[in-house]
mmCIF file of all heavy atoms, coordinates in Angstrom:
data_MODEL
# 
_entry.id   MODEL 
# 
loop_
_atom_site.group_PDB 
_atom_site.id 
_atom_site.type_symbol 
_atom_site.label_atom_id 
_atom_site.label_alt_id 
_atom_site.label_comp_id 
_atom_site.label_asym_id 
_atom_site.label_entity_id 
_atom_site.label_seq_id 
_atom_site.pdbx_PDB_ins_code 
_atom_site.Cartn_x 
_atom_site.Cartn_y 
_atom_site.Cartn_z 
_atom_site.occupancy 
_atom_site.B_iso_or_equiv 
_atom_site.pdbx_formal_charge 
_atom_site.auth_seq_id 
_atom_site.auth_comp_id 
_atom_site.auth_asym_id 
_atom_site.auth_atom_id 
_atom_site.pdbx_PDB_model_num 
ATOM 1   N N   . ARG A 1 1  ? 2.926   -10.853 28.109  1.00 0.00 ? 1  ARG A N   1 
ATOM 2   C CA  . ARG A 1 1  ? 3.533   -10.011 27.081  1.00 0.00 ? 1  ARG A CA  1 
ATOM 3   C C   . ARG A 1 1  ? 3.721   -10.794 25.782  1.00 0.00 ? 1  ARG A C   1 
ATOM 4   O O   . ARG A 1 1  ? 3.474   -10.282 24.692  1.00 0.00 ? 1  ARG A O   1 
ATOM 5   C CB  . ARG A 1 1  ? 4.891   -9.478  27.578  1.00 0.00 ? 1  ARG A CB  1 
ATOM 6   C CG  . ARG A 1 1  ? 4.772   -8.405  28.650  1.00 0.00 ? 1  ARG A CG  1 
ATOM 7   C CD  . ARG A 1 1  ? 6.083   -7.650  28.797  1.00 0.00 ? 1  ARG A CD  1 
ATOM 8   N NE  . ARG A 1 1  ? 7.151   -8.533  29.262  1.00 0.00 ? 1  ARG A NE  1 
ATOM 9   C CZ  . ARG A 1 1  ? 7.449   -8.738  30.535  1.00 0.00 ? 1  ARG A CZ  1 
ATOM 10  N NH1 . ARG A 1 1  ? 6.729   -8.137  31.485  1.00 0.00 ? 1  ARG A NH1 1 
ATOM 11  N NH2 . ARG A 1 1  ? 8.437   -9.541  30.876  1.00 0.00 ? 1  ARG A NH2 1 
ATOM 12  N N   . VAL A 1 2  ? 4.155   -12.037 25.931  1.00 0.00 ? 2  VAL A N   1 
ATOM 13  C CA  . VAL A 1 2  ? 4.313   -12.897 24.756  1.00 0.00 ? 2  VAL A CA  1 
ATOM 14  C C   . VAL A 1 2  ? 2.970   -13.129 24.069  1.00 0.00 ? 2  VAL A C   1 
ATOM 15  O O   . VAL A 1 2  ? 2.863   -13.083 22.845  1.00 0.00 ? 2  VAL A O   1 
ATOM 16  C CB  . VAL A 1 2  ? 4.956   -14.244 25.149  1.00 0.00 ? 2  VAL A CB  1 
ATOM 17  C CG1 . VAL A 1 2  ? 4.923   -15.219 23.967  1.00 0.00 ? 2  VAL A CG1 1 
ATOM 18  C CG2 . VAL A 1 2  ? 6.384   -14.035 25.616  1.00 0.00 ? 2  VAL A CG2 1 
ATOM 19  N N   . ASP A 1 3  ? 1.947   -13.361 24.901  1.00 0.00 ? 3  ASP A N   1 
ATOM 20  C CA  . ASP A 1 3  ? 0.606   -13.593 24.363  1.00 0.00 ? 3  ASP A CA  1 
ATOM 21  C C   . ASP A 1 3  ? 0.102   -12.372 23.610  1.00 0.00 ? 3  ASP A C   1 
ATOM 22  O O   . ASP A 1 3  ? -0.490  -12.484 22.534  1.00 0.00 ? 3  ASP A O   1 
ATOM 23  C CB  . ASP A 1 3  ? -0.344  -13.955 25.505  1.00 0.00 ? 3  ASP A CB  1 
ATOM 24  C CG  . ASP A 1 3  ? -1.719  -14.372 24.985  1.00 0.00 ? 3  ASP A CG  1 
ATOM 25  O OD1 . ASP A 1 3  ? -1.770  -15.259 24.105  1.00 0.00 ? 3  ASP A OD1 1 
ATOM 26  O OD2 . ASP A 1 3  ? -2.730  -13.804 25.439  1.00 0.00 ? 3  ASP A OD2 1 
ATOM 27  N N   . HIS A 1 4  ? 0.342   -11.187 24.194  1.00 0.00 ? 4  HIS A N   1 
ATOM 28  C CA  . HIS A 1 4  ? -0.069  -9.946  23.541  1.00 0.00 ? 4  HIS A CA  1 
ATOM 29  C C   . HIS A 1 4  ? 0.659   -9.760  22.213  1.00 0.00 ? 4  HIS A C   1 
ATOM 30  O O   . HIS A 1 4  ? 0.066   -9.334  21.219  1.00 0.00 ? 4  HIS A O   1 
ATOM 31  C CB  . HIS A 1 4  ? 0.201   -8.751  24.464  1.00 0.00 ? 4  HIS A CB  1 
ATOM 32  C CG  . HIS A 1 4  ? -0.736  -8.693  25.627  1.00 0.00 ? 4  HIS A CG  1 
ATOM 33  N ND1 . HIS A 1 4  ? -0.439  -8.010  26.798  1.00 0.00 ? 4  HIS A ND1 1 
ATOM 34  C CD2 . HIS A 1 4  ? -1.958  -9.255  25.841  1.00 0.00 ? 4  HIS A CD2 1 
ATOM 35  C CE1 . HIS A 1 4  ? -1.433  -8.133  27.649  1.00 0.00 ? 4  HIS A CE1 1 
ATOM 36  N NE2 . HIS A 1 4  ? -2.369  -8.899  27.089  1.00 0.00 ? 4  HIS A NE2 1 
ATOM 37  N N   . LYS A 1 5  ? 1.953   -10.086 22.230  1.00 0.00 ? 5  LYS A N   1 
ATOM 38  C CA  . LYS A 1 5  ? 2.732   -9.962  21.003  1.00 0.00 ? 5  LYS A CA  1 
ATOM 39  C C   . LYS A 1 5  ? 2.233   -10.931 19.934  1.00 0.00 ? 5  LYS A C   1 
ATOM 40  O O   . LYS A 1 5  ? 2.146   -10.595 18.750  1.00 0.00 ? 5  LYS A O   1 
ATOM 41  C CB  . LYS A 1 5  ? 4.209   -10.217 21.283  1.00 0.00 ? 5  LYS A CB  1 
ATOM 42  C CG  . LYS A 1 5  ? 4.899   -9.066  22.029  1.00 0.00 ? 5  LYS A CG  1 
ATOM 43  C CD  . LYS A 1 5  ? 6.378   -9.347  22.218  1.00 0.00 ? 5  LYS A CD  1 
ATOM 44  C CE  . LYS A 1 5  ? 7.070   -8.182  22.923  1.00 0.00 ? 5  LYS A CE  1 
ATOM 45  N NZ  . LYS A 1 5  ? 8.515   -8.412  23.108  1.00 0.00 ? 5  LYS A NZ  1 
ATOM 46  N N   . LEU A 1 6  ? 1.890   -12.152 20.378  1.00 0.00 ? 6  LEU A N   1 
ATOM 47  C CA  . LEU A 1 6  ? 1.357   -13.138 19.437  1.00 0.00 ? 6  LEU A CA  1 
ATOM 48  C C   . LEU A 1 6  ? 0.027   -12.682 18.844  1.00 0.00 ? 6  LEU A C   1 
ATOM 49  O O   . LEU A 1 6  ? -0.228  -12.854 17.651  1.00 0.00 ? 6  LEU A O   1 
ATOM 50  C CB  . LEU A 1 6  ? 1.187   -14.493 20.138  1.00 0.00 ? 6  LEU A CB  1 
ATOM 51  C CG  . LEU A 1 6  ? 2.474   -15.252 20.471  1.00 0.00 ? 6  LEU A CG  1 
ATOM 52  C CD1 . LEU A 1 6  ? 2.157   -16.503 21.290  1.00 0.00 ? 6  LEU A CD1 1 
ATOM 53  C CD2 . LEU A 1 6  ? 3.211   -15.638 19.180  1.00 0.00 ? 6  LEU A CD2 1 
ATOM 54  N N   . GLN A 1 7  ? -0.809  -12.087 19.709  1.00 0.00 ? 7  GLN A N   1 
ATOM 55  C CA  . GLN A 1 7  ? -2.092  -11.575 19.243  1.00 0.00 ? 7  GLN A CA  1 
ATOM 56  C C   . GLN A 1 7  ? -1.890  -10.436 18.236  1.00 0.00 ? 7  GLN A C   1 
ATOM 57  O O   . GLN A 1 7  ? -2.588  -10.349 17.215  1.00 0.00 ? 7  GLN A O   1 
ATOM 58  C CB  . GLN A 1 7  ? -2.935  -11.090 20.422  1.00 0.00 ? 7  GLN A CB  1 
ATOM 59  C CG  . GLN A 1 7  ? -3.456  -12.221 21.305  1.00 0.00 ? 7  GLN A CG  1 
ATOM 60  C CD  . GLN A 1 7  ? -4.276  -11.710 22.475  1.00 0.00 ? 7  GLN A CD  1 
ATOM 61  O OE1 . GLN A 1 7  ? -4.523  -10.505 22.599  1.00 0.00 ? 7  GLN A OE1 1 
ATOM 62  N NE2 . GLN A 1 7  ? -4.682  -12.619 23.361  1.00 0.00 ? 7  GLN A NE2 1 
ATOM 63  N N   . ALA A 1 8  ? -0.901  -9.576  18.553  1.00 0.00 ? 8  ALA A N   1 
ATOM 64  C CA  . ALA A 1 8  ? -0.593  -8.470  17.648  1.00 0.00 ? 8  ALA A CA  1 
ATOM 65  C C   . ALA A 1 8  ? -0.077  -8.993  16.312  1.00 0.00 ? 8  ALA A C   1 
ATOM 66  O O   . ALA A 1 8  ? -0.453  -8.499  15.232  1.00 0.00 ? 8  ALA A O   1 
ATOM 67  C CB  . ALA A 1 8  ? 0.431   -7.536  18.289  1.00 0.00 ? 8  ALA A CB  1 
ATOM 68  N N   . LEU A 1 9  ? 0.795   -10.011 16.391  1.00 0.00 ? 9  LEU A N   1 
ATOM 69  C CA  . LEU A 1 9  ? 1.324   -10.613 15.163  1.00 0.00 ? 9  LEU A CA  1 
ATOM 70  C C   . LEU A 1 9  ? 0.214   -11.282 14.356  1.00 0.00 ? 9  LEU A C   1 
ATOM 71  O O   . LEU A 1 9  ? 0.182   -11.189 13.120  1.00 0.00 ? 9  LEU A O   1 
ATOM 72  C CB  . LEU A 1 9  ? 2.406   -11.640 15.508  1.00 0.00 ? 9  LEU A CB  1 
ATOM 73  C CG  . LEU A 1 9  ? 3.764   -11.075 15.956  1.00 0.00 ? 9  LEU A CG  1 
ATOM 74  C CD1 . LEU A 1 9  ? 4.660   -12.197 16.449  1.00 0.00 ? 9  LEU A CD1 1 
ATOM 75  C CD2 . LEU A 1 9  ? 4.432   -10.328 14.791  1.00 0.00 ? 9  LEU A CD2 1 
ATOM 76  N N   . GLU A 1 10 ? -0.697  -11.936 15.050  1.00 0.00 ? 10 GLU A N   1 
ATOM 77  C CA  . GLU A 1 10 ? -1.820  -12.593 14.378  1.00 0.00 ? 10 GLU A CA  1 
ATOM 78  C C   . GLU A 1 10 ? -2.688  -11.563 13.651  1.00 0.00 ? 10 GLU A C   1 
ATOM 79  O O   . GLU A 1 10 ? -3.108  -11.786 12.507  1.00 0.00 ? 10 GLU A O   1 
ATOM 80  C CB  . GLU A 1 10 ? -2.666  -13.360 15.394  1.00 0.00 ? 10 GLU A CB  1 
ATOM 81  C CG  . GLU A 1 10 ? -3.798  -14.157 14.756  1.00 0.00 ? 10 GLU A CG  1 
ATOM 82  C CD  . GLU A 1 10 ? -4.602  -14.938 15.780  1.00 0.00 ? 10 GLU A CD  1 
ATOM 83  O OE1 . GLU A 1 10 ? -4.306  -14.833 16.983  1.00 0.00 ? 10 GLU A OE1 1 
ATOM 84  O OE2 . GLU A 1 10 ? -5.536  -15.644 15.364  1.00 0.00 ? 10 GLU A OE2 1 
ATOM 85  N N   . ALA A 1 11 ? -2.927  -10.424 14.327  1.00 0.00 ? 11 ALA A N   1 
ATOM 86  C CA  . ALA A 1 11 ? -3.714  -9.356  13.708  1.00 0.00 ? 11 ALA A CA  1 
ATOM 87  C C   . ALA A 1 11 ? -2.986  -8.807  12.474  1.00 0.00 ? 11 ALA A C   1 
ATOM 88  O O   . ALA A 1 11 ? -3.609  -8.534  11.447  1.00 0.00 ? 11 ALA A O   1 
ATOM 89  C CB  . ALA A 1 11 ? -3.963  -8.236  14.714  1.00 0.00 ? 11 ALA A CB  1 
ATOM 90  N N   . GLN A 1 12 ? -1.660  -8.672  12.581  1.00 0.00 ? 12 GLN A N   1 
ATOM 91  C CA  . GLN A 1 12 ? -0.876  -8.179  11.449  1.00 0.00 ? 12 GLN A CA  1 
ATOM 92  C C   . GLN A 1 12 ? -0.919  -9.152  10.277  1.00 0.00 ? 12 GLN A C   1 
ATOM 93  O O   . GLN A 1 12 ? -1.030  -8.746  9.111   1.00 0.00 ? 12 GLN A O   1 
ATOM 94  C CB  . GLN A 1 12 ? 0.572   -7.942  11.879  1.00 0.00 ? 12 GLN A CB  1 
ATOM 95  C CG  . GLN A 1 12 ? 0.751   -6.742  12.805  1.00 0.00 ? 12 GLN A CG  1 
ATOM 96  C CD  . GLN A 1 12 ? 2.198   -6.567  13.241  1.00 0.00 ? 12 GLN A CD  1 
ATOM 97  O OE1 . GLN A 1 12 ? 3.065   -7.348  12.865  1.00 0.00 ? 12 GLN A OE1 1 
ATOM 98  N NE2 . GLN A 1 12 ? 2.437   -5.550  14.049  1.00 0.00 ? 12 GLN A NE2 1 
ATOM 99  N N   . PHE A 1 13 ? -0.826  -10.451 10.615  1.00 0.00 ? 13 PHE A N   1 
ATOM 100 C CA  . PHE A 1 13 ? -0.889  -11.459 9.558   1.00 0.00 ? 13 PHE A CA  1 
ATOM 101 C C   . PHE A 1 13 ? -2.256  -11.454 8.863   1.00 0.00 ? 13 PHE A C   1 
ATOM 102 O O   . PHE A 1 13 ? -2.345  -11.605 7.644   1.00 0.00 ? 13 PHE A O   1 
ATOM 103 C CB  . PHE A 1 13 ? -0.594  -12.843 10.120  1.00 0.00 ? 13 PHE A CB  1 
ATOM 104 C CG  . PHE A 1 13 ? 0.877   -13.153 10.241  1.00 0.00 ? 13 PHE A CG  1 
ATOM 105 C CD1 . PHE A 1 13 ? 1.441   -13.463 11.471  1.00 0.00 ? 13 PHE A CD1 1 
ATOM 106 C CD2 . PHE A 1 13 ? 1.701   -13.103 9.130   1.00 0.00 ? 13 PHE A CD2 1 
ATOM 107 C CE1 . PHE A 1 13 ? 2.797   -13.732 11.578  1.00 0.00 ? 13 PHE A CE1 1 
ATOM 108 C CE2 . PHE A 1 13 ? 3.058   -13.374 9.228   1.00 0.00 ? 13 PHE A CE2 1 
ATOM 109 C CZ  . PHE A 1 13 ? 3.613   -13.686 10.457  1.00 0.00 ? 13 PHE A CZ  1 
ATOM 110 N N   . LYS A 1 14 ? -3.319  -11.284 9.659   1.00 0.00 ? 14 LYS A N   1 
ATOM 111 C CA  . LYS A 1 14 ? -4.656  -11.224 9.081   1.00 0.00 ? 14 LYS A CA  1 
ATOM 112 C C   . LYS A 1 14 ? -4.782  -10.021 8.151   1.00 0.00 ? 14 LYS A C   1 
ATOM 113 O O   . LYS A 1 14 ? -5.366  -10.103 7.070   1.00 0.00 ? 14 LYS A O   1 
ATOM 114 C CB  . LYS A 1 14 ? -5.710  -11.148 10.185  1.00 0.00 ? 14 LYS A CB  1 
ATOM 115 C CG  . LYS A 1 14 ? -5.928  -12.458 10.917  1.00 0.00 ? 14 LYS A CG  1 
ATOM 116 C CD  . LYS A 1 14 ? -7.017  -12.321 11.960  1.00 0.00 ? 14 LYS A CD  1 
ATOM 117 C CE  . LYS A 1 14 ? -7.255  -13.654 12.687  1.00 0.00 ? 14 LYS A CE  1 
ATOM 118 N NZ  . LYS A 1 14 ? -8.311  -13.532 13.726  1.00 0.00 ? 14 LYS A NZ  1 
ATOM 119 N N   . GLU A 1 15 ? -4.222  -8.891  8.604   1.00 0.00 ? 15 GLU A N   1 
ATOM 120 C CA  . GLU A 1 15 ? -4.260  -7.684  7.786   1.00 0.00 ? 15 GLU A CA  1 
ATOM 121 C C   . GLU A 1 15 ? -3.457  -7.876  6.505   1.00 0.00 ? 15 GLU A C   1 
ATOM 122 O O   . GLU A 1 15 ? -3.877  -7.454  5.419   1.00 0.00 ? 15 GLU A O   1 
ATOM 123 C CB  . GLU A 1 15 ? -3.703  -6.495  8.583   1.00 0.00 ? 15 GLU A CB  1 
ATOM 124 C CG  . GLU A 1 15 ? -3.820  -5.168  7.839   1.00 0.00 ? 15 GLU A CG  1 
ATOM 125 C CD  . GLU A 1 15 ? -3.354  -3.995  8.679   1.00 0.00 ? 15 GLU A CD  1 
ATOM 126 O OE1 . GLU A 1 15 ? -3.102  -4.190  9.881   1.00 0.00 ? 15 GLU A OE1 1 
ATOM 127 O OE2 . GLU A 1 15 ? -3.236  -2.894  8.127   1.00 0.00 ? 15 GLU A OE2 1 
ATOM 128 N N   . LEU A 1 16 ? -2.309  -8.542  6.630   1.00 0.00 ? 16 LEU A N   1 
ATOM 129 C CA  . LEU A 1 16 ? -1.480  -8.816  5.453   1.00 0.00 ? 16 LEU A CA  1 
ATOM 130 C C   . LEU A 1 16 ? -2.202  -9.755  4.487   1.00 0.00 ? 16 LEU A C   1 
ATOM 131 O O   . LEU A 1 16 ? -2.137  -9.578  3.263   1.00 0.00 ? 16 LEU A O   1 
ATOM 132 C CB  . LEU A 1 16 ? -0.142  -9.425  5.877   1.00 0.00 ? 16 LEU A CB  1 
ATOM 133 C CG  . LEU A 1 16 ? 0.862   -8.463  6.527   1.00 0.00 ? 16 LEU A CG  1 
ATOM 134 C CD1 . LEU A 1 16 ? 2.062   -9.237  7.066   1.00 0.00 ? 16 LEU A CD1 1 
ATOM 135 C CD2 . LEU A 1 16 ? 1.318   -7.415  5.515   1.00 0.00 ? 16 LEU A CD2 1 
ATOM 136 N N   . ASP A 1 17 ? -2.891  -10.762 5.042   1.00 0.00 ? 17 ASP A N   1 
ATOM 137 C CA  . ASP A 1 17 ? -3.653  -11.693 4.200   1.00 0.00 ? 17 ASP A CA  1 
ATOM 138 C C   . ASP A 1 17 ? -4.758  -10.952 3.451   1.00 0.00 ? 17 ASP A C   1 
ATOM 139 O O   . ASP A 1 17 ? -5.001  -11.201 2.263   1.00 0.00 ? 17 ASP A O   1 
ATOM 140 C CB  . ASP A 1 17 ? -4.264  -12.809 5.058   1.00 0.00 ? 17 ASP A CB  1 
ATOM 141 C CG  . ASP A 1 17 ? -3.236  -13.866 5.416   1.00 0.00 ? 17 ASP A CG  1 
ATOM 142 O OD1 . ASP A 1 17 ? -2.203  -13.942 4.724   1.00 0.00 ? 17 ASP A OD1 1 
ATOM 143 O OD2 . ASP A 1 17 ? -3.464  -14.607 6.390   1.00 0.00 ? 17 ASP A OD2 1 
ATOM 144 N N   . PHE A 1 18 ? -5.443  -10.046 4.198   1.00 0.00 ? 18 PHE A N   1 
ATOM 145 C CA  . PHE A 1 18 ? -6.513  -9.268  3.583   1.00 0.00 ? 18 PHE A CA  1 
ATOM 146 C C   . PHE A 1 18 ? -5.954  -8.394  2.462   1.00 0.00 ? 18 PHE A C   1 
ATOM 147 O O   . PHE A 1 18 ? -6.531  -8.302  1.373   1.00 0.00 ? 18 PHE A O   1 
ATOM 148 C CB  . PHE A 1 18 ? -7.199  -8.394  4.638   1.00 0.00 ? 18 PHE A CB  1 
ATOM 149 C CG  . PHE A 1 18 ? -8.251  -7.474  4.074   1.00 0.00 ? 18 PHE A CG  1 
ATOM 150 C CD1 . PHE A 1 18 ? -9.496  -7.950  3.725   1.00 0.00 ? 18 PHE A CD1 1 
ATOM 151 C CD2 . PHE A 1 18 ? -7.967  -6.124  3.873   1.00 0.00 ? 18 PHE A CD2 1 
ATOM 152 C CE1 . PHE A 1 18 ? -10.465 -7.098  3.194   1.00 0.00 ? 18 PHE A CE1 1 
ATOM 153 C CE2 . PHE A 1 18 ? -8.923  -5.274  3.346   1.00 0.00 ? 18 PHE A CE2 1 
ATOM 154 C CZ  . PHE A 1 18 ? -10.167 -5.764  3.006   1.00 0.00 ? 18 PHE A CZ  1 
ATOM 155 N N   . THR A 1 19 ? -4.824  -7.740  2.741   1.00 0.00 ? 19 THR A N   1 
ATOM 156 C CA  . THR A 1 19 ? -4.185  -6.887  1.743   1.00 0.00 ? 19 THR A CA  1 
ATOM 157 C C   . THR A 1 19 ? -3.765  -7.697  0.522   1.00 0.00 ? 19 THR A C   1 
ATOM 158 O O   . THR A 1 19 ? -3.938  -7.282  -0.626  1.00 0.00 ? 19 THR A O   1 
ATOM 159 C CB  . THR A 1 19 ? -2.949  -6.185  2.335   1.00 0.00 ? 19 THR A CB  1 
ATOM 160 O OG1 . THR A 1 19 ? -3.348  -5.417  3.478   1.00 0.00 ? 19 THR A OG1 1 
ATOM 161 C CG2 . THR A 1 19 ? -2.295  -5.269  1.314   1.00 0.00 ? 19 THR A CG2 1 
ATOM 162 N N   . LYS A 1 20 ? -3.203  -8.893  0.802   1.00 0.00 ? 20 LYS A N   1 
ATOM 163 C CA  . LYS A 1 20 ? -2.777  -9.769  -0.297  1.00 0.00 ? 20 LYS A CA  1 
ATOM 164 C C   . LYS A 1 20 ? -3.961  -10.181 -1.159  1.00 0.00 ? 20 LYS A C   1 
ATOM 165 O O   . LYS A 1 20 ? -3.896  -10.122 -2.397  1.00 0.00 ? 20 LYS A O   1 
ATOM 166 C CB  . LYS A 1 20 ? -2.091  -11.007 0.268   1.00 0.00 ? 20 LYS A CB  1 
ATOM 167 C CG  . LYS A 1 20 ? -1.566  -11.969 -0.802  1.00 0.00 ? 20 LYS A CG  1 
ATOM 168 C CD  . LYS A 1 20 ? -1.337  -13.356 -0.241  1.00 0.00 ? 20 LYS A CD  1 
ATOM 169 C CE  . LYS A 1 20 ? -2.671  -14.023 0.061   1.00 0.00 ? 20 LYS A CE  1 
ATOM 170 N NZ  . LYS A 1 20 ? -2.530  -15.444 0.468   1.00 0.00 ? 20 LYS A NZ  1 
ATOM 171 N N   . ASP A 1 21 ? -5.074  -10.595 -0.507  1.00 0.00 ? 21 ASP A N   1 
ATOM 172 C CA  . ASP A 1 21 ? -6.261  -11.003 -1.248  1.00 0.00 ? 21 ASP A CA  1 
ATOM 173 C C   . ASP A 1 21 ? -6.820  -9.839  -2.063  1.00 0.00 ? 21 ASP A C   1 
ATOM 174 O O   . ASP A 1 21 ? -7.268  -10.017 -3.204  1.00 0.00 ? 21 ASP A O   1 
ATOM 175 C CB  . ASP A 1 21 ? -7.332  -11.523 -0.286  1.00 0.00 ? 21 ASP A CB  1 
ATOM 176 C CG  . ASP A 1 21 ? -6.930  -12.839 0.365   1.00 0.00 ? 21 ASP A CG  1 
ATOM 177 O OD1 . ASP A 1 21 ? -6.028  -13.505 -0.178  1.00 0.00 ? 21 ASP A OD1 1 
ATOM 178 O OD2 . ASP A 1 21 ? -7.498  -13.180 1.412   1.00 0.00 ? 21 ASP A OD2 1 
ATOM 179 N N   . ASN A 1 22 ? -6.817  -8.657  -1.440  1.00 0.00 ? 22 ASN A N   1 
ATOM 180 C CA  . ASN A 1 22 ? -7.338  -7.467  -2.115  1.00 0.00 ? 22 ASN A CA  1 
ATOM 181 C C   . ASN A 1 22 ? -6.499  -7.145  -3.354  1.00 0.00 ? 22 ASN A C   1 
ATOM 182 O O   . ASN A 1 22 ? -7.025  -6.852  -4.434  1.00 0.00 ? 22 ASN A O   1 
ATOM 183 C CB  . ASN A 1 22 ? -7.327  -6.280  -1.153  1.00 0.00 ? 22 ASN A CB  1 
ATOM 184 C CG  . ASN A 1 22 ? -8.124  -5.102  -1.690  1.00 0.00 ? 22 ASN A CG  1 
ATOM 185 O OD1 . ASN A 1 22 ? -9.067  -5.279  -2.443  1.00 0.00 ? 22 ASN A OD1 1 
ATOM 186 N ND2 . ASN A 1 22 ? -7.746  -3.902  -1.293  1.00 0.00 ? 22 ASN A ND2 1 
ATOM 187 N N   . LEU A 1 23 ? -5.176  -7.200  -3.195  1.00 0.00 ? 23 LEU A N   1 
ATOM 188 C CA  . LEU A 1 23 ? -4.271  -6.928  -4.318  1.00 0.00 ? 23 LEU A CA  1 
ATOM 189 C C   . LEU A 1 23 ? -4.415  -7.987  -5.410  1.00 0.00 ? 23 LEU A C   1 
ATOM 190 O O   . LEU A 1 23 ? -4.366  -7.672  -6.599  1.00 0.00 ? 23 LEU A O   1 
ATOM 191 C CB  . LEU A 1 23 ? -2.820  -6.878  -3.820  1.00 0.00 ? 23 LEU A CB  1 
ATOM 192 C CG  . LEU A 1 23 ? -2.433  -5.642  -2.999  1.00 0.00 ? 23 LEU A CG  1 
ATOM 193 C CD1 . LEU A 1 23 ? -1.029  -5.810  -2.438  1.00 0.00 ? 23 LEU A CD1 1 
ATOM 194 C CD2 . LEU A 1 23 ? -2.518  -4.379  -3.842  1.00 0.00 ? 23 LEU A CD2 1 
ATOM 195 N N   . THR A 1 24 ? -4.597  -9.237  -4.978  1.00 0.00 ? 24 THR A N   1 
ATOM 196 C CA  . THR A 1 24 ? -4.771  -10.331 -5.942  1.00 0.00 ? 24 THR A CA  1 
ATOM 197 C C   . THR A 1 24 ? -6.037  -10.122 -6.767  1.00 0.00 ? 24 THR A C   1 
ATOM 198 O O   . THR A 1 24 ? -6.028  -10.298 -7.992  1.00 0.00 ? 24 THR A O   1 
ATOM 199 C CB  . THR A 1 24 ? -4.850  -11.685 -5.218  1.00 0.00 ? 24 THR A CB  1 
ATOM 200 O OG1 . THR A 1 24 ? -3.636  -11.900 -4.486  1.00 0.00 ? 24 THR A OG1 1 
ATOM 201 C CG2 . THR A 1 24 ? -5.045  -12.818 -6.212  1.00 0.00 ? 24 THR A CG2 1 
ATOM 202 N N   . GLN A 1 25 ? -7.131  -9.731  -6.097  1.00 0.00 ? 25 GLN A N   1 
ATOM 203 C CA  . GLN A 1 25 ? -8.388  -9.481  -6.793  1.00 0.00 ? 25 GLN A CA  1 
ATOM 204 C C   . GLN A 1 25 ? -8.254  -8.323  -7.777  1.00 0.00 ? 25 GLN A C   1 
ATOM 205 O O   . GLN A 1 25 ? -8.745  -8.388  -8.909  1.00 0.00 ? 25 GLN A O   1 
ATOM 206 C CB  . GLN A 1 25 ? -9.501  -9.185  -5.786  1.00 0.00 ? 25 GLN A CB  1 
ATOM 207 C CG  . GLN A 1 25 ? -9.927  -10.398 -4.971  1.00 0.00 ? 25 GLN A CG  1 
ATOM 208 C CD  . GLN A 1 25 ? -10.996 -10.069 -3.947  1.00 0.00 ? 25 GLN A CD  1 
ATOM 209 O OE1 . GLN A 1 25 ? -11.427 -8.925  -3.842  1.00 0.00 ? 25 GLN A OE1 1 
ATOM 210 N NE2 . GLN A 1 25 ? -11.412 -11.064 -3.178  1.00 0.00 ? 25 GLN A NE2 1 
ATOM 211 N N   . LYS A 1 26 ? -7.570  -7.262  -7.332  1.00 0.00 ? 26 LYS A N   1 
ATOM 212 C CA  . LYS A 1 26 ? -7.371  -6.108  -8.206  1.00 0.00 ? 26 LYS A CA  1 
ATOM 213 C C   . LYS A 1 26 ? -6.520  -6.490  -9.415  1.00 0.00 ? 26 LYS A C   1 
ATOM 214 O O   . LYS A 1 26 ? -6.789  -6.061  -10.542 1.00 0.00 ? 26 LYS A O   1 
ATOM 215 C CB  . LYS A 1 26 ? -6.694  -4.967  -7.433  1.00 0.00 ? 26 LYS A CB  1 
ATOM 216 C CG  . LYS A 1 26 ? -7.608  -4.264  -6.442  1.00 0.00 ? 26 LYS A CG  1 
ATOM 217 C CD  . LYS A 1 26 ? -6.898  -3.107  -5.768  1.00 0.00 ? 26 LYS A CD  1 
ATOM 218 C CE  . LYS A 1 26 ? -7.841  -2.377  -4.818  1.00 0.00 ? 26 LYS A CE  1 
ATOM 219 N NZ  . LYS A 1 26 ? -7.165  -1.235  -4.143  1.00 0.00 ? 26 LYS A NZ  1 
ATOM 220 N N   . PHE A 1 27 ? -5.505  -7.304  -9.163  1.00 0.00 ? 27 PHE A N   1 
ATOM 221 C CA  . PHE A 1 27 ? -4.630  -7.738  -10.250 1.00 0.00 ? 27 PHE A CA  1 
ATOM 222 C C   . PHE A 1 27 ? -5.404  -8.588  -11.253 1.00 0.00 ? 27 PHE A C   1 
ATOM 223 O O   . PHE A 1 27 ? -5.270  -8.411  -12.472 1.00 0.00 ? 27 PHE A O   1 
ATOM 224 C CB  . PHE A 1 27 ? -3.454  -8.532  -9.678  1.00 0.00 ? 27 PHE A CB  1 
ATOM 225 C CG  . PHE A 1 27 ? -2.548  -9.115  -10.735 1.00 0.00 ? 27 PHE A CG  1 
ATOM 226 C CD1 . PHE A 1 27 ? -1.641  -8.312  -11.408 1.00 0.00 ? 27 PHE A CD1 1 
ATOM 227 C CD2 . PHE A 1 27 ? -2.622  -10.460 -11.059 1.00 0.00 ? 27 PHE A CD2 1 
ATOM 228 C CE1 . PHE A 1 27 ? -0.812  -8.839  -12.391 1.00 0.00 ? 27 PHE A CE1 1 
ATOM 229 C CE2 . PHE A 1 27 ? -1.805  -10.997 -12.040 1.00 0.00 ? 27 PHE A CE2 1 
ATOM 230 C CZ  . PHE A 1 27 ? -0.891  -10.182 -12.712 1.00 0.00 ? 27 PHE A CZ  1 
ATOM 231 N N   . GLU A 1 28 ? -6.223  -9.520  -10.735 1.00 0.00 ? 28 GLU A N   1 
ATOM 232 C CA  . GLU A 1 28 ? -7.008  -10.384 -11.612 1.00 0.00 ? 28 GLU A CA  1 
ATOM 233 C C   . GLU A 1 28 ? -7.999  -9.563  -12.426 1.00 0.00 ? 28 GLU A C   1 
ATOM 234 O O   . GLU A 1 28 ? -8.199  -9.805  -13.624 1.00 0.00 ? 28 GLU A O   1 
ATOM 235 C CB  . GLU A 1 28 ? -7.731  -11.450 -10.789 1.00 0.00 ? 28 GLU A CB  1 
ATOM 236 C CG  . GLU A 1 28 ? -6.791  -12.488 -10.182 1.00 0.00 ? 28 GLU A CG  1 
ATOM 237 C CD  . GLU A 1 28 ? -7.523  -13.475 -9.286  1.00 0.00 ? 28 GLU A CD  1 
ATOM 238 O OE1 . GLU A 1 28 ? -8.706  -13.218 -8.976  1.00 0.00 ? 28 GLU A OE1 1 
ATOM 239 O OE2 . GLU A 1 28 ? -6.912  -14.481 -8.886  1.00 0.00 ? 28 GLU A OE2 1 
# 
């Protein structure tokens, strides 16, 4: 369960990173 949660958190962080990069590019 912990491993699944970590995987879910990792996926969320990747999505957040992608969103951040996308917003940064749009801002630039």
